[in-house]
Amino acid sequence: MDRFQKVYKQGRGFTSKTEIWVDTQTGVNYLWHHDGYAGGLTVLLDENGKPVVTKI
């Protein structure tokens, strides 16, 4: 089983994409976004500023 699983994808062709990935060992959700040649990855936070965790 892969360590990370993509659970959400939204985007416009090849230029811009937003994805949510879940760490299958910890359940922590990560937000990945890229546009053109730039991109970033961050922990997805809830309304209280705590990491979003999916039950595995």
N, C-alpha and C. Protein backbone atom coordinates (compact mmCIF):
# COMPACT_ATOMS: atom_id res chain seq x y z
N MET A 1 0.84 -1.19 0.00
CA MET A 1 0.00 0.00 0.00
C MET A 1 0.89 1.25 0.00
N ASP A 2 0.51 2.23 -0.80
CA ASP A 2 1.27 3.49 -0.86
C ASP A 2 1.06 4.29 0.42
N ARG A 3 2.08 5.02 0.81
CA ARG A 3 2.02 5.83 2.03
C ARG A 3 1.00 6.96 1.90
N PHE A 4 0.90 7.59 0.73
CA PHE A 4 -0.02 8.71 0.52
C PHE A 4 -1.07 8.35 -0.52
N GLN A 5 -2.30 8.78 -0.26
CA GLN A 5 -3.41 8.50 -1.15
C GLN A 5 -4.10 9.81 -1.52
N LYS A 6 -4.29 10.03 -2.82
CA LYS A 6 -4.99 11.23 -3.28
C LYS A 6 -6.48 11.03 -3.09
N VAL A 7 -7.14 11.97 -2.38
CA VAL A 7 -8.57 11.85 -2.11
C VAL A 7 -9.40 12.93 -2.78
N TYR A 8 -8.73 13.96 -3.35
CA TYR A 8 -9.46 15.04 -4.00
C TYR A 8 -8.58 15.66 -5.07
N LYS A 9 -9.19 16.04 -6.20
CA LYS A 9 -8.45 16.70 -7.28
C LYS A 9 -9.35 17.70 -7.96
N GLN A 10 -8.81 18.89 -8.20
CA GLN A 10 -9.53 19.94 -8.93
C GLN A 10 -8.49 20.69 -9.75
N GLY A 11 -8.82 21.03 -10.97
CA GLY A 11 -7.83 21.76 -11.74
C GLY A 11 -8.29 22.12 -13.13
N ARG A 12 -7.44 22.93 -13.77
CA ARG A 12 -7.69 23.37 -15.14
C ARG A 12 -6.55 22.88 -16.02
N GLY A 13 -6.74 21.77 -16.65
CA GLY A 13 -5.73 21.25 -17.56
C GLY A 13 -4.42 20.96 -16.88
N PHE A 14 -3.33 21.36 -17.54
CA PHE A 14 -1.99 21.11 -17.00
C PHE A 14 -1.43 22.28 -16.21
N THR A 15 -2.11 23.43 -16.25
CA THR A 15 -1.51 24.63 -15.67
C THR A 15 -1.77 24.82 -14.19
N SER A 16 -2.89 24.37 -13.68
CA SER A 16 -3.23 24.63 -12.28
C SER A 16 -3.96 23.43 -11.70
N LYS A 17 -3.51 22.96 -10.54
CA LYS A 17 -4.15 21.83 -9.88
C LYS A 17 -4.13 22.02 -8.37
N THR A 18 -5.20 21.59 -7.73
CA THR A 18 -5.28 21.54 -6.27
C THR A 18 -5.66 20.11 -5.92
N GLU A 19 -4.92 19.52 -4.97
CA GLU A 19 -5.18 18.14 -4.57
C GLU A 19 -5.09 18.03 -3.06
N ILE A 20 -5.82 17.06 -2.50
CA ILE A 20 -5.70 16.72 -1.09
C ILE A 20 -5.19 15.29 -1.02
N TRP A 21 -4.13 15.12 -0.24
CA TRP A 21 -3.50 13.82 -0.04
C TRP A 21 -3.59 13.43 1.42
N VAL A 22 -3.82 12.15 1.70
CA VAL A 22 -3.90 11.65 3.07
C VAL A 22 -2.74 10.70 3.31
N ASP A 23 -2.04 10.92 4.42
CA ASP A 23 -0.98 10.01 4.87
C ASP A 23 -1.68 8.78 5.45
N THR A 24 -1.50 7.62 4.84
CA THR A 24 -2.23 6.42 5.26
C THR A 24 -1.74 5.85 6.58
N GLN A 25 -0.62 6.34 7.09
CA GLN A 25 -0.13 5.87 8.40
C GLN A 25 -0.61 6.75 9.54
N THR A 26 -0.72 8.07 9.30
CA THR A 26 -1.11 8.99 10.37
C THR A 26 -2.51 9.56 10.20
N GLY A 27 -3.05 9.52 8.97
CA GLY A 27 -4.36 10.10 8.69
C GLY A 27 -4.33 11.60 8.44
N VAL A 28 -3.16 12.24 8.55
CA VAL A 28 -3.05 13.68 8.35
C VAL A 28 -3.29 14.02 6.87
N ASN A 29 -4.08 15.09 6.65
CA ASN A 29 -4.41 15.55 5.29
C ASN A 29 -3.47 16.68 4.89
N TYR A 30 -3.04 16.65 3.62
CA TYR A 30 -2.15 17.67 3.07
C TYR A 30 -2.79 18.29 1.84
N LEU A 31 -2.63 19.60 1.70
CA LEU A 31 -3.12 20.32 0.53
C LEU A 31 -1.94 20.62 -0.37
N TRP A 32 -2.04 20.20 -1.65
CA TRP A 32 -1.02 20.46 -2.65
C TRP A 32 -1.64 21.33 -3.73
N HIS A 33 -0.95 22.41 -4.09
CA HIS A 33 -1.44 23.26 -5.18
C HIS A 33 -0.25 23.63 -6.05
N HIS A 34 -0.45 23.59 -7.36
CA HIS A 34 0.58 24.10 -8.27
C HIS A 34 -0.09 24.85 -9.40
N ASP A 35 0.64 25.86 -9.85
CA ASP A 35 0.18 26.69 -10.94
C ASP A 35 1.40 27.03 -11.79
N GLY A 36 1.43 26.53 -13.01
CA GLY A 36 2.60 26.72 -13.85
C GLY A 36 3.79 25.96 -13.30
N TYR A 37 4.89 26.68 -13.05
CA TYR A 37 6.11 26.05 -12.54
C TYR A 37 6.25 26.19 -11.03
N ALA A 38 5.27 26.76 -10.34
CA ALA A 38 5.33 26.95 -8.89
C ALA A 38 4.32 26.04 -8.20
N GLY A 39 4.65 25.59 -6.99
CA GLY A 39 3.75 24.74 -6.25
C GLY A 39 4.08 24.76 -4.78
N GLY A 40 3.15 24.24 -3.98
CA GLY A 40 3.37 24.19 -2.54
C GLY A 40 2.55 23.11 -1.89
N LEU A 41 3.05 22.62 -0.77
CA LEU A 41 2.40 21.57 0.02
C LEU A 41 2.31 22.06 1.45
N THR A 42 1.14 21.88 2.07
CA THR A 42 0.96 22.28 3.46
C THR A 42 -0.03 21.35 4.14
N VAL A 43 0.04 21.29 5.45
CA VAL A 43 -0.94 20.52 6.22
C VAL A 43 -2.28 21.23 6.09
N LEU A 44 -3.35 20.47 5.87
CA LEU A 44 -4.69 21.04 5.77
C LEU A 44 -5.21 21.24 7.20
N LEU A 45 -5.64 22.47 7.51
CA LEU A 45 -6.08 22.81 8.87
C LEU A 45 -7.59 22.99 8.95
N ASP A 46 -8.15 22.67 10.12
CA ASP A 46 -9.58 22.89 10.33
C ASP A 46 -9.81 24.32 10.83
N GLU A 47 -11.05 24.63 11.18
CA GLU A 47 -11.41 25.99 11.59
C GLU A 47 -10.73 26.42 12.89
N ASN A 48 -10.21 25.46 13.67
CA ASN A 48 -9.52 25.78 14.92
C ASN A 48 -8.00 25.81 14.77
N GLY A 49 -7.51 25.64 13.53
CA GLY A 49 -6.09 25.67 13.28
C GLY A 49 -5.38 24.36 13.56
N LYS A 50 -6.13 23.28 13.72
CA LYS A 50 -5.55 21.96 13.98
C LYS A 50 -5.56 21.15 12.70
N PRO A 51 -4.59 20.25 12.53
CA PRO A 51 -4.55 19.42 11.32
C PRO A 51 -5.82 18.59 11.14
N VAL A 52 -6.27 18.49 9.89
CA VAL A 52 -7.40 17.62 9.57
C VAL A 52 -6.85 16.19 9.52
N VAL A 53 -7.46 15.30 10.31
CA VAL A 53 -7.02 13.91 10.38
C VAL A 53 -8.18 13.01 9.99
N THR A 54 -7.94 12.14 9.01
CA THR A 54 -8.92 11.16 8.56
C THR A 54 -8.67 9.85 9.29
N LYS A 55 -9.75 9.27 9.83
CA LYS A 55 -9.59 7.96 10.47
C LYS A 55 -9.21 6.92 9.43
N ILE A 56 -8.21 6.15 9.74
CA ILE A 56 -7.72 5.12 8.83
C ILE A 56 -8.38 3.80 9.17
